[in-house]
Amino acid sequence: MRIPADEITAILHQREGMGESGETFLVGEDGLLRTDSLQDPENFSVSQSFAAPGTHKIKTPGVTSALTGKSGKLTYSNHRGVEVLGAWVSISLPGSTWAMVAEEVRNLAQRSSEAITSTSKQIAGTDSRVTEGSDCGDFG
């Protein structure tokens, strides 16, 4: 099966919902990239994977799990040696299984988690003021 790598890479390089340090990529059953790395395209690209398959296999917990048909999320050291929060799914294609992995640098993912917790607490505080009858403005 042949799928245009540049088209898939363009789709996976969309950053909606991810920070500047995040990326999403595909890996085939052979452990080789099927999309170029957004964070390090000079060292991790489709062309390099196939030019030197012995040295460019991606063997992270997310990839390994996805290639066995599982989905999940975990903090681990990625193929570039960076501590990330990774999430993955398995993609079944005719005659093959690929791993689709999204990663965000761990400390930045933690900051996002802390920010959403803080924001939700602020909203909860607003809700209690509304319940108590405080004037929060007219939004209707």
Protein backbone atom coordinates (compact mmCIF):
# COMPACT_ATOMS: atom_id res chain seq x y z
CA MET A 1 0.00 0.00 0.00
CA ARG A 2 1.41 3.40 -0.98
CA ILE A 3 0.23 6.56 0.71
CA PRO A 4 1.84 9.94 -0.09
CA ALA A 5 4.15 10.58 2.88
CA ASP A 6 4.09 14.36 2.40
CA GLU A 7 0.28 14.44 2.67
CA ILE A 8 0.24 12.33 5.84
CA THR A 9 3.08 14.36 7.34
CA ALA A 10 1.19 17.61 6.65
CA ILE A 11 -1.87 16.27 8.44
CA LEU A 12 0.09 15.02 11.44
CA HIS A 13 2.08 18.25 11.72
CA GLN A 14 -1.05 20.24 12.46
CA ARG A 15 -0.62 21.50 16.02
CA GLU A 16 -4.21 21.94 17.10
CA GLY A 17 -4.38 21.07 20.79
CA MET A 18 -0.61 20.70 21.14
CA GLY A 19 2.13 23.02 22.27
CA GLU A 20 5.22 23.93 20.29
CA SER A 21 7.08 20.91 21.69
CA GLY A 22 4.41 18.40 20.69
CA GLU A 23 4.34 16.20 17.64
CA THR A 24 2.37 13.35 16.12
CA PHE A 25 3.94 10.71 13.91
CA LEU A 26 3.36 7.29 12.34
CA VAL A 27 5.57 4.22 12.65
CA GLY A 28 5.22 1.01 10.62
CA GLU A 29 5.39 -2.58 11.90
CA ASP A 30 9.09 -2.56 11.02
CA GLY A 31 9.71 0.29 13.51
CA LEU A 32 10.46 2.80 10.75
CA LEU A 33 8.91 6.25 10.52
CA ARG A 34 6.14 6.79 7.99
CA THR A 35 6.13 10.56 8.61
CA ASP A 36 8.95 13.04 9.18
CA SER A 37 9.57 14.23 12.72
CA LEU A 38 8.35 17.76 13.31
CA GLN A 39 10.81 18.30 16.16
CA ASP A 40 13.92 16.81 14.52
CA PRO A 41 13.40 16.30 10.76
CA GLU A 42 17.15 16.28 10.06
CA ASN A 43 17.69 13.18 12.19
CA PHE A 44 14.29 11.47 12.08
CA SER A 45 12.67 11.39 8.65
CA VAL A 46 11.05 8.82 6.40
CA SER A 47 13.99 8.92 3.98
CA GLN A 48 16.53 8.38 6.77
CA SER A 49 14.48 5.56 8.26
CA PHE A 50 14.54 3.63 5.00
CA ALA A 51 18.12 4.58 4.09
CA ALA A 52 19.49 3.18 7.37
CA PRO A 53 16.75 0.97 8.84
CA GLY A 54 19.05 -0.60 11.41
CA THR A 55 19.78 2.71 13.12
CA HIS A 56 16.49 4.58 12.75
CA LYS A 57 13.91 2.24 14.28
CA ILE A 58 11.54 3.83 16.79
CA LYS A 59 11.15 1.53 19.81
CA THR A 60 9.34 3.55 22.46
CA PRO A 61 6.71 2.09 24.82
CA GLY A 62 3.98 3.88 22.85
CA VAL A 63 5.09 2.50 19.49
CA THR A 64 5.58 -1.01 20.86
CA SER A 65 2.14 -1.02 22.48
CA ALA A 66 0.36 0.42 19.42
CA LEU A 67 1.96 -2.15 17.12
CA THR A 68 0.41 -4.90 19.29
CA GLY A 69 -3.02 -3.36 18.72
CA LYS A 70 -3.31 -1.39 21.95
CA SER A 71 -3.96 2.26 22.70
CA GLY A 72 -2.88 4.15 25.79
CA LYS A 73 -0.86 6.93 27.35
CA LEU A 74 2.28 7.02 29.45
CA THR A 75 5.26 9.16 30.40
CA TYR A 76 8.50 7.83 28.88
CA SER A 77 11.77 8.81 27.20
CA ASN A 78 11.14 9.11 23.47
CA HIS A 79 13.32 8.28 20.45
CA ARG A 80 15.14 11.61 20.84
CA GLY A 81 15.87 10.97 24.54
CA VAL A 82 13.31 13.55 25.71
CA GLU A 83 10.93 12.80 28.61
CA VAL A 84 7.41 13.03 27.11
CA LEU A 85 3.81 12.31 27.81
CA GLY A 86 2.83 10.03 24.95
CA ALA A 87 -0.54 8.82 23.72
CA TRP A 88 -0.94 6.20 21.00
CA VAL A 89 -3.37 4.18 18.94
CA SER A 90 -3.03 1.32 16.53
CA ILE A 91 -4.02 1.88 12.90
CA SER A 92 -4.97 -1.19 10.90
CA LEU A 93 -4.26 -0.95 7.19
CA PRO A 94 -4.67 -3.65 4.55
CA GLY A 95 -1.80 -6.04 5.26
CA SER A 96 -0.16 -3.88 7.95
CA THR A 97 -0.49 -2.19 11.33
CA TRP A 98 0.94 1.23 12.07
CA ALA A 99 1.39 3.11 15.34
CA MET A 100 0.13 6.68 15.54
CA VAL A 101 1.82 8.44 18.45
CA ALA A 102 1.33 11.94 19.85
CA GLU A 103 3.95 13.26 22.26
CA GLU A 104 4.32 16.43 24.31
CA VAL A 105 7.38 17.28 26.39
CA ARG A 106 6.53 16.06 29.91
CA ASN A 107 7.09 19.27 31.87
CA LEU A 108 4.99 21.27 29.38
CA ALA A 109 2.21 18.70 29.49
CA GLN A 110 2.32 18.94 33.30
CA ARG A 111 1.98 22.74 33.12
CA SER A 112 -1.10 22.34 30.88
CA SER A 113 -2.60 19.95 33.41
CA GLU A 114 -1.92 22.37 36.27
CA ALA A 115 -3.40 25.27 34.29
CA ILE A 116 -6.62 23.41 33.57
CA THR A 117 -6.92 22.39 37.24
CA SER A 118 -6.49 26.00 38.33
CA THR A 119 -8.98 27.25 35.74
CA SER A 120 -11.57 24.65 36.73
CA LYS A 121 -11.23 25.71 40.38
CA GLN A 122 -11.79 29.35 39.38
CA ILE A 123 -14.89 28.37 37.43
CA ALA A 124 -16.14 26.32 40.37
CA GLY A 125 -15.66 29.41 42.58
CA THR A 126 -17.72 31.47 40.13
CA ASP A 127 -20.43 28.83 40.22
CA SER A 128 -20.66 29.03 44.03
CA ARG A 129 -21.01 32.85 43.84
CA VAL A 130 -23.85 32.44 41.33
CA THR A 131 -25.52 29.93 43.63
CA GLU A 132 -25.19 32.40 46.51
CA GLY A 133 -26.73 35.16 44.41
CA SER A 134 -23.66 37.32 43.70
CA ASP A 135 -23.80 39.64 40.71
CA CYS A 136 -21.66 38.07 37.96
CA GLY A 137 -23.03 40.10 35.10
CA ASP A 138 -25.70 39.48 32.49
CA PHE A 139 -24.62 36.87 29.99
CA GLY A 140 -28.10 35.93 28.77
